[in-house]
Amino acid sequence: MESRAKQIGKSRLDQLLAYHAKYFGNLAVTDESLAQALYLETSQQENFVTAVNNGICTALGGE
C-alpha cells in the first residue's frame, strides 16, 4: 500500500482521481467533476493554511 501511495503522489491524474473519490464517491468521472474536485481540494487547503496562520497569530498575540 505504501508503494501505491508513493505512485499516487507522483501522478497528477491519480491525485485528481483520489480527490474525485474523496468528494464525489461513485459519481461518474468527467472533466467537469475532476475540475470541481480539484477546486474543492485547493479551496480546502487554502482555508486550512489561513486557519493555521490565524491560530499562530492569536497564540502569539498578533492580529
C-alpha atoms as a PDB file:
ATOM      1  CA  MET A   1       0.000   0.000   0.000  1.00  0.00           C
ATOM      2  CA  GLU A   2       2.863   2.384   0.769  1.00  0.00           C
ATOM      3  CA  SER A   3       4.252   1.843  -2.716  1.00  0.00           C
ATOM      4  CA  ARG A   4       0.889   2.718  -4.289  1.00  0.00           C
ATOM      5  CA  ALA A   5       0.649   5.832  -2.131  1.00  0.00           C
ATOM      6  CA  LYS A   6       4.044   6.964  -3.429  1.00  0.00           C
ATOM      7  CA  GLN A   7       2.899   6.340  -7.003  1.00  0.00           C
ATOM      8  CA  ILE A   8      -0.226   8.427  -6.448  1.00  0.00           C
ATOM      9  CA  GLY A   9       1.935  11.205  -5.055  1.00  0.00           C
ATOM     10  CA  LYS A  10       3.876  11.316  -8.320  1.00  0.00           C
ATOM     11  CA  SER A  11       0.916  11.134 -10.708  1.00  0.00           C
ATOM     12  CA  ARG A  12      -1.249  14.235 -11.113  1.00  0.00           C
ATOM     13  CA  LEU A  13      -4.049  12.189 -12.695  1.00  0.00           C
ATOM     14  CA  ASP A  14      -4.046   9.712  -9.804  1.00  0.00           C
ATOM     15  CA  GLN A  15      -4.188  12.632  -7.371  1.00  0.00           C
ATOM     16  CA  LEU A  16      -7.161  14.094  -9.216  1.00  0.00           C
ATOM     17  CA  LEU A  17      -8.913  10.732  -9.154  1.00  0.00           C
ATOM     18  CA  ALA A  18      -8.266  10.449  -5.413  1.00  0.00           C
ATOM     19  CA  TYR A  19      -9.744  13.926  -4.860  1.00  0.00           C
ATOM     20  CA  HIS A  20     -12.708  12.947  -7.018  1.00  0.00           C
ATOM     21  CA  ALA A  21     -13.300   9.828  -4.922  1.00  0.00           C
ATOM     22  CA  LYS A  22     -12.983  11.879  -1.717  1.00  0.00           C
ATOM     23  CA  TYR A  23     -15.593  14.444  -2.729  1.00  0.00           C
ATOM     24  CA  PHE A  24     -17.886  12.604  -5.136  1.00  0.00           C
ATOM     25  CA  GLY A  25     -17.596   8.895  -4.342  1.00  0.00           C
ATOM     26  CA  ASN A  26     -19.149   6.852  -7.141  1.00  0.00           C
ATOM     27  CA  LEU A  27     -20.182   9.788  -9.340  1.00  0.00           C
ATOM     28  CA  ALA A  28     -19.047   9.329 -12.936  1.00  0.00           C
ATOM     29  CA  VAL A  29     -15.637  10.858 -13.631  1.00  0.00           C
ATOM     30  CA  THR A  30     -15.802  13.697 -16.149  1.00  0.00           C
ATOM     31  CA  ASP A  31     -13.568  16.653 -16.953  1.00  0.00           C
ATOM     32  CA  GLU A  32     -16.041  18.859 -15.106  1.00  0.00           C
ATOM     33  CA  SER A  33     -16.182  16.690 -11.978  1.00  0.00           C
ATOM     34  CA  LEU A  34     -12.374  16.432 -11.898  1.00  0.00           C
ATOM     35  CA  ALA A  35     -12.146  20.224 -12.121  1.00  0.00           C
ATOM     36  CA  GLN A  36     -14.679  20.562  -9.315  1.00  0.00           C
ATOM     37  CA  ALA A  37     -12.779  18.099  -7.134  1.00  0.00           C
ATOM     38  CA  LEU A  38      -9.533  19.992  -7.737  1.00  0.00           C
ATOM     39  CA  TYR A  39     -11.232  23.275  -6.882  1.00  0.00           C
ATOM     40  CA  LEU A  40     -12.691  21.847  -3.661  1.00  0.00           C
ATOM     41  CA  GLU A  41      -9.352  20.367  -2.576  1.00  0.00           C
ATOM     42  CA  THR A  42      -7.457  23.572  -3.369  1.00  0.00           C
ATOM     43  CA  SER A  43     -10.027  25.679  -1.541  1.00  0.00           C
ATOM     44  CA  GLN A  44      -9.917  23.392   1.493  1.00  0.00           C
ATOM     45  CA  GLN A  45      -6.122  23.572   1.615  1.00  0.00           C
ATOM     46  CA  GLU A  46      -6.191  27.384   1.357  1.00  0.00           C
ATOM     47  CA  ASN A  47      -8.734  27.565   4.186  1.00  0.00           C
ATOM     48  CA  PHE A  48      -6.575  25.247   6.293  1.00  0.00           C
ATOM     49  CA  VAL A  49      -3.493  27.424   5.769  1.00  0.00           C
ATOM     50  CA  THR A  50      -5.479  30.527   6.715  1.00  0.00           C
ATOM     51  CA  ALA A  51      -6.816  28.859   9.868  1.00  0.00           C
ATOM     52  CA  VAL A  52      -3.339  27.756  10.941  1.00  0.00           C
ATOM     53  CA  ASN A  53      -1.917  31.234  10.324  1.00  0.00           C
ATOM     54  CA  ASN A  54      -4.753  32.805  12.311  1.00  0.00           C
ATOM     55  CA  GLY A  55      -4.180  30.359  15.145  1.00  0.00           C
ATOM     56  CA  ILE A  56      -0.480  31.136  15.254  1.00  0.00           C
ATOM     57  CA  CYS A  57      -1.149  34.880  15.260  1.00  0.00           C
ATOM     58  CA  THR A  58      -3.684  34.508  18.057  1.00  0.00           C
ATOM     59  CA  ALA A  59      -1.313  32.358  20.109  1.00  0.00           C
ATOM     60  CA  LEU A  60       1.482  34.893  19.699  1.00  0.00           C
ATOM     61  CA  GLY A  61      -0.752  37.864  20.496  1.00  0.00           C
ATOM     62  CA  GLY A  62      -0.783  39.257  16.954  1.00  0.00           C
ATOM     63  CA  GLU A  63      -3.700  40.463  14.938  1.00  0.00           C
END
